[in-house]
C-alpha atoms as a PDB file:
ATOM      1  CA  MET A   1     112.102  80.551 103.677  1.00  0.00           C
ATOM      2  CA  ASN A   2     114.490  77.860 102.382  1.00  0.00           C
ATOM      3  CA  ASP A   3     115.863  75.091 104.637  1.00  0.00           C
ATOM      4  CA  LEU A   4     119.418  76.492 104.898  1.00  0.00           C
ATOM      5  CA  LEU A   5     118.106  79.841 106.292  1.00  0.00           C
ATOM      6  CA  LYS A   6     115.761  78.042 108.629  1.00  0.00           C
ATOM      7  CA  ASP A   7     118.707  75.968 109.913  1.00  0.00           C
ATOM      8  CA  LEU A   8     120.741  79.129 110.492  1.00  0.00           C
ATOM      9  CA  VAL A   9     117.914  80.884 112.280  1.00  0.00           C
ATOM     10  CA  ARG A  10     117.359  77.848 114.554  1.00  0.00           C
ATOM     11  CA  LEU A  11     121.083  77.382 115.228  1.00  0.00           C
ATOM     12  CA  GLN A  12     121.441  81.064 116.254  1.00  0.00           C
ATOM     13  CA  ALA A  13     118.324  80.907 118.554  1.00  0.00           C
ATOM     14  CA  ILE A  14     119.646  77.784 120.293  1.00  0.00           C
ATOM     15  CA  GLU A  15     123.233  79.130 120.559  1.00  0.00           C
ATOM     16  CA  LEU A  16     122.000  82.497 121.967  1.00  0.00           C
ATOM     17  CA  LYS A  17     119.583  80.513 124.290  1.00  0.00           C
ATOM     18  CA  GLU A  18     116.523  82.305 122.805  1.00  0.00           C
ATOM     19  CA  ILE A  19     114.871  78.913 122.744  1.00  0.00           C
ATOM     20  CA  LYS A  20     115.551  75.990 125.029  1.00  0.00           C
ATOM     21  CA  GLU A  21     116.078  72.468 123.670  1.00  0.00           C
ATOM     22  CA  LYS A  22     116.611  69.393 125.736  1.00  0.00           C
ATOM     23  CA  ASN A  23     119.349  67.914 123.690  1.00  0.00           C
ATOM     24  CA  ARG A  24     120.975  71.218 122.895  1.00  0.00           C
ATOM     25  CA  ASP A  25     124.446  69.931 121.974  1.00  0.00           C
ATOM     26  CA  SER A  26     123.232  67.170 119.669  1.00  0.00           C
ATOM     27  CA  ILE A  27     120.745  69.529 117.846  1.00  0.00           C
ATOM     28  CA  ILE A  28     123.614  72.157 117.363  1.00  0.00           C
ATOM     29  CA  GLN A  29     125.905  69.411 115.872  1.00  0.00           C
ATOM     30  CA  GLU A  30     123.081  68.278 113.641  1.00  0.00           C
ATOM     31  CA  LEU A  31     122.334  71.795 112.338  1.00  0.00           C
ATOM     32  CA  ARG A  32     126.020  72.514 111.899  1.00  0.00           C
ATOM     33  CA  SER A  33     126.434  69.311 109.751  1.00  0.00           C
ATOM     34  CA  ARG A  34     123.653  70.487 107.420  1.00  0.00           C
ATOM     35  CA  ILE A  35     125.086  73.926 106.880  1.00  0.00           C
ATOM     36  CA  PRO A  36     127.931  74.303 104.186  1.00  0.00           C
ATOM     37  CA  PRO A  37     131.286  75.113 105.738  1.00  0.00           C
ATOM     38  CA  PRO A  38     131.880  78.420 104.003  1.00  0.00           C
ATOM     39  CA  ILE A  39     128.509  79.802 105.218  1.00  0.00           C
ATOM     40  CA  LEU A  40     129.104  78.330 108.668  1.00  0.00           C
ATOM     41  CA  GLY A  41     132.567  79.948 108.772  1.00  0.00           C
ATOM     42  CA  HIS A  42     131.170  83.398 107.954  1.00  0.00           C
ATOM     43  CA  TYR A  43     128.326  82.901 110.548  1.00  0.00           C
ATOM     44  CA  ASP A  44     130.862  81.927 113.176  1.00  0.00           C
ATOM     45  CA  ARG A  45     133.082  84.928 112.509  1.00  0.00           C
ATOM     46  CA  LEU A  46     130.089  87.236 113.039  1.00  0.00           C
ATOM     47  CA  MET A  47     129.125  85.455 116.219  1.00  0.00           C
ATOM     48  CA  VAL A  48     132.632  85.631 117.635  1.00  0.00           C
ATOM     49  CA  ARG A  49     132.513  89.413 117.243  1.00  0.00           C
ATOM     50  CA  GLY A  50     129.329  89.548 119.213  1.00  0.00           C
ATOM     51  CA  LYS A  51     127.004  90.115 116.315  1.00  0.00           C
ATOM     52  CA  LYS A  52     124.086  87.918 115.228  1.00  0.00           C
ATOM     53  CA  GLY A  53     124.977  85.898 112.175  1.00  0.00           C
ATOM     54  CA  ILE A  54     121.595  85.995 110.559  1.00  0.00           C
ATOM     55  CA  ILE A  55     119.081  88.831 110.853  1.00  0.00           C
ATOM     56  CA  ALA A  56     115.535  89.587 109.707  1.00  0.00           C
ATOM     57  CA  VAL A  57     114.491  92.031 106.985  1.00  0.00           C
ATOM     58  CA  ARG A  58     111.472  94.158 107.715  1.00  0.00           C
ATOM     59  CA  ASN A  59     110.093  96.841 105.394  1.00  0.00           C
ATOM     60  CA  GLN A  60     113.124  96.411 103.096  1.00  0.00           C
ATOM     61  CA  VAL A  61     115.392  97.314 106.004  1.00  0.00           C
ATOM     62  CA  CYS A  62     118.130  95.163 107.620  1.00  0.00           C
ATOM     63  CA  THR A  63     117.152  94.955 111.364  1.00  0.00           C
ATOM     64  CA  GLY A  64     120.852  94.513 112.288  1.00  0.00           C
ATOM     65  CA  CYS A  65     122.218  97.838 110.937  1.00  0.00           C
ATOM     66  CA  HIS A  66     118.923  99.588 110.041  1.00  0.00           C
ATOM     67  CA  MET A  67     120.038 100.379 106.566  1.00  0.00           C
ATOM     68  CA  LYS A  68     117.634 100.192 103.581  1.00  0.00           C
ATOM     69  CA  LEU A  69     118.350  97.234 101.250  1.00  0.00           C
ATOM     70  CA  PRO A  70     118.305  97.342  97.553  1.00  0.00           C
ATOM     71  CA  LEU A  71     115.032  96.016  96.071  1.00  0.00           C
ATOM     72  CA  ALA A  72     116.960  93.271  94.150  1.00  0.00           C
ATOM     73  CA  VAL A  73     118.158  91.763  97.506  1.00  0.00           C
ATOM     74  CA  VAL A  74     114.643  91.631  98.852  1.00  0.00           C
ATOM     75  CA  MET A  75     113.278  90.147  95.692  1.00  0.00           C
ATOM     76  CA  THR A  76     115.907  87.473  95.748  1.00  0.00           C
ATOM     77  CA  LEU A  77     114.971  86.655  99.346  1.00  0.00           C
ATOM     78  CA  MET A  78     111.320  86.551  98.385  1.00  0.00           C
ATOM     79  CA  LYS A  79     112.010  84.096  95.562  1.00  0.00           C
ATOM     80  CA  GLN A  80     113.988  81.938  98.042  1.00  0.00           C
ATOM     81  CA  GLU A  81     116.498  81.027  95.354  1.00  0.00           C
ATOM     82  CA  ASP A  82     119.690  82.138  97.092  1.00  0.00           C
ATOM     83  CA  ILE A  83     120.921  83.491 100.401  1.00  0.00           C
ATOM     84  CA  GLN A  84     121.873  87.108 100.695  1.00  0.00           C
ATOM     85  CA  LEU A  85     124.293  89.222 102.757  1.00  0.00           C
ATOM     86  CA  CYS A  86     123.684  92.797 103.999  1.00  0.00           C
ATOM     87  CA  ASP A  87     126.138  94.977 102.082  1.00  0.00           C
ATOM     88  CA  THR A  88     126.563  97.265 105.125  1.00  0.00           C
ATOM     89  CA  CYS A  89     126.882  94.892 108.141  1.00  0.00           C
ATOM     90  CA  GLY A  90     127.694  91.603 106.416  1.00  0.00           C
ATOM     91  CA  ARG A  91     125.055  89.518 108.105  1.00  0.00           C
ATOM     92  CA  TYR A  92     123.005  86.788 106.447  1.00  0.00           C
ATOM     93  CA  LEU A  93     119.462  88.085 105.700  1.00  0.00           C
ATOM     94  CA  TYR A  94     116.125  86.319 105.838  1.00  0.00           C
ATOM     95  CA  LEU A  95     112.491  87.319 105.530  1.00  0.00           C
ATOM     96  CA  PRO A  96     110.460  86.227 108.607  1.00  0.00           C
ATOM     97  CA  GLU A  97     107.410  84.203 107.963  1.00  0.00           C
ATOM     98  CA  GLU A  98     104.618  86.491 109.103  1.00  0.00           C
ATOM     99  CA  PRO A  99     101.123  85.317 109.631  1.00  0.00           C
ATOM    100  CA  ALA A 100      98.507  86.485 107.201  1.00  0.00           C
ATOM    101  CA  ALA A 101      96.905  89.718 108.526  1.00  0.00           C
ATOM    102  CA  PRO A 102      93.266  90.128 108.086  1.00  0.00           C
ATOM    103  CA  PRO A 103      92.223  92.659 105.424  1.00  0.00           C
ATOM    104  CA  ALA A 104      92.227  96.151 106.783  1.00  0.00           C
ATOM    105  CA  GLU A 105      88.941  98.017 106.897  1.00  0.00           C
ATOM    106  CA  PRO A 106      88.756 101.119 104.811  1.00  0.00           C
ATOM    107  CA  PRO A 107      88.680 104.399 106.810  1.00  0.00           C
ATOM    108  CA  PRO A 108      85.219 105.894 107.352  1.00  0.00           C
ATOM    109  CA  ALA A 109      84.121 108.184 104.503  1.00  0.00           C
ATOM    110  CA  LYS A 110      84.236 111.892 105.276  1.00  0.00           C
ATOM    111  CA  PRO A 111      81.111 113.974 104.360  1.00  0.00           C
ATOM    112  CA  ALA A 112      81.507 115.907 101.214  1.00  0.00           C
ATOM    113  CA  VAL A 113      81.993 119.619 101.711  1.00  0.00           C
ATOM    114  CA  LYS A 114      80.201 121.871  99.177  1.00  0.00           C
ATOM    115  CA  ARG A 115      82.312 124.597  97.894  1.00  0.00           C
ATOM    116  CA  GLY A 116      80.544 127.467  96.183  1.00  0.00           C
ATOM    117  CA  ARG A 117      81.476 130.858  95.129  1.00  0.00           C
ATOM    118  CA  LYS A 118      82.018 133.469  97.749  1.00  0.00           C
ATOM    119  CA  LYS A 119      79.528 136.120  97.866  1.00  0.00           C
ATOM    120  CA  LYS A 120      80.568 139.576  97.227  1.00  0.00           C
ATOM    121  CA  ALA A 121      80.052 141.974 100.145  1.00  0.00           C
ATOM    122  CA  ALA A 122      77.503 144.671  99.646  1.00  0.00           C
ATOM    123  CA  PRO A 123      79.084 148.063  99.091  1.00  0.00           C
ATOM    124  CA  SER A 124      78.693 150.129 102.232  1.00  0.00           C
ATOM    125  CA  ALA A 125      77.123 153.532 101.908  1.00  0.00           C
END
């Protein structure tokens, strides 16, 4: 995740009191000074309306409005070249950094079932 998105996520977490910081006001001012004014303005408009300004993307779905995102948006987020907005709810999007999961074990093999021809019933006399 690029530095701008990290700053937005941290700013939101501090402002919503999801994480506690000792020098809360000074950290908020420092983060706000690093974020460009147009991005900060859009973020603030969302926050004033009671919405989160930046939201995670999981399984190609915006977790704010639960709408599926175009693959191009997700690929741009993966490349970390640009920031993206959700077309539906207007929030900034980011891909959360997930720890590497251990490789999944394959399911146990089922025994093979032999399929033969059905025997014809003997004619009854």
